[in-house]
């Protein structure tokens, strides 16, 4: 590893460190999202609500596709 740091440009090392930090943040954000979706499921079950809400799901897909376009990403990526 020490040899790699001597031969790899500092800018590349900095970019890799940024990617590593972003990856960690994404994992933590996904974990929080899963906690929220689990709580939604529990709440719906307690209140006798339908598990699925197709109208909301459609709105969410449209919203995420728009966010992807705004971020210069393929909107199909938002649905995966």
C-alpha atoms as a PDB file:
ATOM      1  CA  UNK A   1       0.000   0.000   0.000  1.00  0.00           C
ATOM      2  CA  UNK A   2       2.850   2.406   0.768  1.00  0.00           C
ATOM      3  CA  UNK A   3       4.304   1.769  -2.698  1.00  0.00           C
ATOM      4  CA  UNK A   4       0.932   2.525  -4.274  1.00  0.00           C
ATOM      5  CA  UNK A   5       0.684   5.861  -2.481  1.00  0.00           C
ATOM      6  CA  UNK A   6       4.149   6.784  -3.769  1.00  0.00           C
ATOM      7  CA  UNK A   7       3.252   6.027  -7.409  1.00  0.00           C
ATOM      8  CA  UNK A   8      -0.371   7.179  -7.528  1.00  0.00           C
ATOM      9  CA  UNK A   9      -0.928  10.895  -8.072  1.00  0.00           C
ATOM     10  CA  UNK A  10      -2.192  12.771  -5.020  1.00  0.00           C
ATOM     11  CA  UNK A  11      -5.237  13.951  -6.961  1.00  0.00           C
ATOM     12  CA  UNK A  12      -6.230  10.335  -7.667  1.00  0.00           C
ATOM     13  CA  UNK A  13      -5.792   9.413  -4.004  1.00  0.00           C
ATOM     14  CA  UNK A  14      -7.977  12.366  -3.008  1.00  0.00           C
ATOM     15  CA  UNK A  15     -10.680  11.356  -5.482  1.00  0.00           C
ATOM     16  CA  UNK A  16     -10.587   7.778  -4.202  1.00  0.00           C
ATOM     17  CA  UNK A  17     -10.933   9.037  -0.637  1.00  0.00           C
ATOM     18  CA  UNK A  18     -13.945  11.109  -1.699  1.00  0.00           C
ATOM     19  CA  UNK A  19     -15.524   8.055  -3.320  1.00  0.00           C
ATOM     20  CA  UNK A  20     -14.914   6.032  -0.153  1.00  0.00           C
ATOM     21  CA  UNK A  21     -16.596   8.735   1.945  1.00  0.00           C
ATOM     22  CA  UNK A  22     -19.559   8.920  -0.425  1.00  0.00           C
ATOM     23  CA  UNK A  23     -19.912   5.120  -0.333  1.00  0.00           C
ATOM     24  CA  UNK A  24     -20.018   5.190   3.469  1.00  0.00           C
ATOM     25  CA  UNK A  25     -22.606   7.984   3.453  1.00  0.00           C
ATOM     26  CA  UNK A  26     -24.760   6.059   0.960  1.00  0.00           C
ATOM     27  CA  UNK A  27     -24.714   2.965   3.160  1.00  0.00           C
ATOM     28  CA  UNK A  28     -25.786   4.992   6.199  1.00  0.00           C
ATOM     29  CA  UNK A  29     -28.517   6.739   4.212  1.00  0.00           C
ATOM     30  CA  UNK A  30     -29.813   3.406   2.886  1.00  0.00           C
ATOM     31  CA  UNK A  31     -29.875   2.008   6.416  1.00  0.00           C
ATOM     32  CA  UNK A  32     -31.940   5.003   7.565  1.00  0.00           C
ATOM     33  CA  UNK A  33     -34.265   4.587   4.580  1.00  0.00           C
ATOM     34  CA  UNK A  34     -34.781   0.909   5.451  1.00  0.00           C
ATOM     35  CA  UNK A  35     -35.578   1.876   9.060  1.00  0.00           C
ATOM     36  CA  UNK A  36     -38.195   4.332   7.791  1.00  0.00           C
ATOM     37  CA  UNK A  37     -39.762   1.878   5.352  1.00  0.00           C
ATOM     38  CA  UNK A  38     -39.942  -0.737   8.100  1.00  0.00           C
ATOM     39  CA  UNK A  39     -41.708   1.784  10.360  1.00  0.00           C
ATOM     40  CA  UNK A  40     -44.137   2.581   7.530  1.00  0.00           C
ATOM     41  CA  UNK A  41     -44.921  -1.126   7.192  1.00  0.00           C
ATOM     42  CA  UNK A  42     -45.538  -1.480  10.923  1.00  0.00           C
ATOM     43  CA  UNK A  43     -47.752   1.617  10.988  1.00  0.00           C
ATOM     44  CA  UNK A  44     -49.783   0.437   7.996  1.00  0.00           C
ATOM     45  CA  UNK A  45     -50.256  -2.994   9.576  1.00  0.00           C
ATOM     46  CA  UNK A  46     -51.331  -1.479  12.906  1.00  0.00           C
ATOM     47  CA  UNK A  47     -53.889   0.753  11.199  1.00  0.00           C
ATOM     48  CA  UNK A  48     -55.148  -1.822   8.720  1.00  0.00           C
ATOM     49  CA  UNK A  49     -53.902   0.146   5.731  1.00  0.00           C
ATOM     50  CA  UNK A  50     -53.022  -1.448   2.402  1.00  0.00           C
ATOM     51  CA  UNK A  51     -49.384  -2.447   2.117  1.00  0.00           C
ATOM     52  CA  UNK A  52     -49.072  -0.970  -1.369  1.00  0.00           C
ATOM     53  CA  UNK A  53     -50.059   2.498  -2.557  1.00  0.00           C
ATOM     54  CA  UNK A  54     -49.787   2.403  -6.360  1.00  0.00           C
ATOM     55  CA  UNK A  55     -50.602   6.108  -6.768  1.00  0.00           C
ATOM     56  CA  UNK A  56     -47.818   7.122  -4.366  1.00  0.00           C
ATOM     57  CA  UNK A  57     -45.414   4.669  -5.961  1.00  0.00           C
ATOM     58  CA  UNK A  58     -46.154   6.195  -9.380  1.00  0.00           C
ATOM     59  CA  UNK A  59     -45.561   9.722  -8.020  1.00  0.00           C
ATOM     60  CA  UNK A  60     -42.310   8.599  -6.409  1.00  0.00           C
ATOM     61  CA  UNK A  61     -41.024   7.053  -9.632  1.00  0.00           C
ATOM     62  CA  UNK A  62     -41.846  10.261 -11.509  1.00  0.00           C
ATOM     63  CA  UNK A  63     -40.158  12.350  -8.806  1.00  0.00           C
ATOM     64  CA  UNK A  64     -37.044  10.176  -8.793  1.00  0.00           C
ATOM     65  CA  UNK A  65     -36.837  10.212 -12.578  1.00  0.00           C
ATOM     66  CA  UNK A  66     -36.962  14.012 -12.443  1.00  0.00           C
ATOM     67  CA  UNK A  67     -34.225  14.113  -9.820  1.00  0.00           C
ATOM     68  CA  UNK A  68     -32.101  11.834 -11.989  1.00  0.00           C
ATOM     69  CA  UNK A  69     -32.556  14.122 -14.994  1.00  0.00           C
ATOM     70  CA  UNK A  70     -31.640  17.145 -12.848  1.00  0.00           C
ATOM     71  CA  UNK A  71     -28.492  15.298 -11.742  1.00  0.00           C
ATOM     72  CA  UNK A  72     -27.611  14.417 -15.362  1.00  0.00           C
ATOM     73  CA  UNK A  73     -28.219  10.703 -14.764  1.00  0.00           C
ATOM     74  CA  UNK A  74     -30.177   8.245 -16.881  1.00  0.00           C
ATOM     75  CA  UNK A  75     -33.766   8.472 -15.565  1.00  0.00           C
ATOM     76  CA  UNK A  76     -34.116   4.696 -15.955  1.00  0.00           C
ATOM     77  CA  UNK A  77     -31.439   4.438 -13.260  1.00  0.00           C
ATOM     78  CA  UNK A  78     -33.892   5.977 -10.777  1.00  0.00           C
ATOM     79  CA  UNK A  79     -36.256   3.041 -11.215  1.00  0.00           C
ATOM     80  CA  UNK A  80     -33.653   0.375 -10.485  1.00  0.00           C
END
